[in-house]
């Protein structure tokens, strides 16, 4: 886990993450789904300059029950 990952993770953090994910190039942020339920996410952040060809890879696995990420996801998509 990198230091920029907020703790505690709030609903606002989750909503901000969804906005970032929606603006990211396709394939750099993915959702992990298990039996039709969101279980987490994967993000790939390519490096530039002398570090081209490498990337920061991160993942977050959720837990059963309500979480800020799940609530934000459902709030975002229930508006459409």
C-alpha atoms as a PDB file:
ATOM      1  CA  UNK A   1       0.000   0.000   0.000  1.00  0.00           C
ATOM      2  CA  UNK A   2       1.333   3.411  -0.878  1.00  0.00           C
ATOM      3  CA  UNK A   3       1.096   6.356   1.476  1.00  0.00           C
ATOM      4  CA  UNK A   4      -1.292   8.175  -0.827  1.00  0.00           C
ATOM      5  CA  UNK A   5      -4.012   5.613  -0.131  1.00  0.00           C
ATOM      6  CA  UNK A   6      -6.371   7.314   2.321  1.00  0.00           C
ATOM      7  CA  UNK A   7      -7.079   5.780   5.687  1.00  0.00           C
ATOM      8  CA  UNK A   8      -9.737   5.688   6.855  1.00  0.00           C
ATOM      9  CA  UNK A   9     -11.257   5.293   3.394  1.00  0.00           C
ATOM     10  CA  UNK A  10     -14.412   7.405   3.238  1.00  0.00           C
ATOM     11  CA  UNK A  11     -17.329   7.645   0.835  1.00  0.00           C
ATOM     12  CA  UNK A  12     -15.834  10.879  -0.523  1.00  0.00           C
ATOM     13  CA  UNK A  13     -12.515   9.081  -1.180  1.00  0.00           C
ATOM     14  CA  UNK A  14     -14.398   6.397  -3.079  1.00  0.00           C
ATOM     15  CA  UNK A  15     -16.330   8.951  -5.143  1.00  0.00           C
ATOM     16  CA  UNK A  16     -13.084  10.751  -6.032  1.00  0.00           C
ATOM     17  CA  UNK A  17     -11.507   7.431  -7.056  1.00  0.00           C
ATOM     18  CA  UNK A  18     -14.454   6.644  -9.344  1.00  0.00           C
ATOM     19  CA  UNK A  19     -14.032  10.054 -11.037  1.00  0.00           C
ATOM     20  CA  UNK A  20     -10.315   9.311 -11.589  1.00  0.00           C
ATOM     21  CA  UNK A  21     -11.125   5.841 -12.916  1.00  0.00           C
ATOM     22  CA  UNK A  22     -13.728   7.197 -15.335  1.00  0.00           C
ATOM     23  CA  UNK A  23     -11.153   9.631 -16.799  1.00  0.00           C
ATOM     24  CA  UNK A  24      -8.291   7.079 -17.015  1.00  0.00           C
ATOM     25  CA  UNK A  25      -7.288   5.462 -20.310  1.00  0.00           C
ATOM     26  CA  UNK A  26      -9.110   2.197 -20.906  1.00  0.00           C
ATOM     27  CA  UNK A  27      -7.410  -0.774 -19.277  1.00  0.00           C
ATOM     28  CA  UNK A  28      -5.439   1.127 -16.651  1.00  0.00           C
ATOM     29  CA  UNK A  29      -8.079   0.755 -13.930  1.00  0.00           C
ATOM     30  CA  UNK A  30     -10.067  -2.462 -13.699  1.00  0.00           C
ATOM     31  CA  UNK A  31     -12.740  -3.858 -11.404  1.00  0.00           C
ATOM     32  CA  UNK A  32     -12.451  -7.255  -9.739  1.00  0.00           C
ATOM     33  CA  UNK A  33     -15.820  -8.981  -9.757  1.00  0.00           C
ATOM     34  CA  UNK A  34     -16.710 -12.209  -7.951  1.00  0.00           C
ATOM     35  CA  UNK A  35     -20.122 -13.814  -8.496  1.00  0.00           C
ATOM     36  CA  UNK A  36     -21.570 -10.533  -9.798  1.00  0.00           C
ATOM     37  CA  UNK A  37     -20.354  -8.475  -6.821  1.00  0.00           C
ATOM     38  CA  UNK A  38     -17.595  -5.869  -6.811  1.00  0.00           C
ATOM     39  CA  UNK A  39     -14.731  -7.361  -4.832  1.00  0.00           C
ATOM     40  CA  UNK A  40     -11.958  -4.856  -5.509  1.00  0.00           C
ATOM     41  CA  UNK A  41      -9.920  -3.109  -8.151  1.00  0.00           C
ATOM     42  CA  UNK A  42      -6.612  -3.053  -9.966  1.00  0.00           C
ATOM     43  CA  UNK A  43      -4.752   0.043 -11.165  1.00  0.00           C
ATOM     44  CA  UNK A  44      -1.733   0.277 -13.448  1.00  0.00           C
ATOM     45  CA  UNK A  45       0.106   3.596 -13.566  1.00  0.00           C
ATOM     46  CA  UNK A  46       2.784   3.628 -16.288  1.00  0.00           C
ATOM     47  CA  UNK A  47       5.967   5.554 -15.494  1.00  0.00           C
ATOM     48  CA  UNK A  48       7.483   8.067 -17.909  1.00  0.00           C
ATOM     49  CA  UNK A  49      10.960   9.374 -18.696  1.00  0.00           C
ATOM     50  CA  UNK A  50      13.874   7.200 -17.671  1.00  0.00           C
ATOM     51  CA  UNK A  51      11.425   4.769 -16.042  1.00  0.00           C
ATOM     52  CA  UNK A  52       9.435   4.195 -19.263  1.00  0.00           C
ATOM     53  CA  UNK A  53       8.556   0.539 -19.640  1.00  0.00           C
ATOM     54  CA  UNK A  54       7.814   0.131 -15.931  1.00  0.00           C
ATOM     55  CA  UNK A  55       4.660   0.837 -13.961  1.00  0.00           C
ATOM     56  CA  UNK A  56       3.198   1.113 -10.499  1.00  0.00           C
ATOM     57  CA  UNK A  57       0.718  -1.724  -9.971  1.00  0.00           C
ATOM     58  CA  UNK A  58      -1.794  -1.619  -7.160  1.00  0.00           C
ATOM     59  CA  UNK A  59      -4.820  -3.534  -6.055  1.00  0.00           C
ATOM     60  CA  UNK A  60      -7.470  -3.312  -3.396  1.00  0.00           C
ATOM     61  CA  UNK A  61      -9.602  -6.216  -2.287  1.00  0.00           C
ATOM     62  CA  UNK A  62     -12.832  -5.406  -0.536  1.00  0.00           C
ATOM     63  CA  UNK A  63     -14.700  -7.240   2.130  1.00  0.00           C
ATOM     64  CA  UNK A  64     -18.222  -8.529   2.458  1.00  0.00           C
ATOM     65  CA  UNK A  65     -20.768  -6.029   3.581  1.00  0.00           C
ATOM     66  CA  UNK A  66     -21.149  -2.323   2.931  1.00  0.00           C
ATOM     67  CA  UNK A  67     -17.981  -0.390   2.197  1.00  0.00           C
ATOM     68  CA  UNK A  68     -17.369   3.188   1.048  1.00  0.00           C
ATOM     69  CA  UNK A  69     -16.236   1.933  -2.355  1.00  0.00           C
ATOM     70  CA  UNK A  70     -19.369  -0.114  -2.925  1.00  0.00           C
ATOM     71  CA  UNK A  71     -21.651   2.681  -1.754  1.00  0.00           C
ATOM     72  CA  UNK A  72     -19.949   5.212  -4.045  1.00  0.00           C
ATOM     73  CA  UNK A  73     -20.084   2.834  -7.006  1.00  0.00           C
ATOM     74  CA  UNK A  74     -23.794   2.233  -6.563  1.00  0.00           C
ATOM     75  CA  UNK A  75     -24.510   5.944  -6.022  1.00  0.00           C
ATOM     76  CA  UNK A  76     -22.598   6.824  -9.193  1.00  0.00           C
ATOM     77  CA  UNK A  77     -24.322   4.280 -11.394  1.00  0.00           C
ATOM     78  CA  UNK A  78     -27.809   4.601  -9.925  1.00  0.00           C
ATOM     79  CA  UNK A  79     -27.914   8.231 -11.177  1.00  0.00           C
ATOM     80  CA  UNK A  80     -27.853   7.155 -14.848  1.00  0.00           C
END
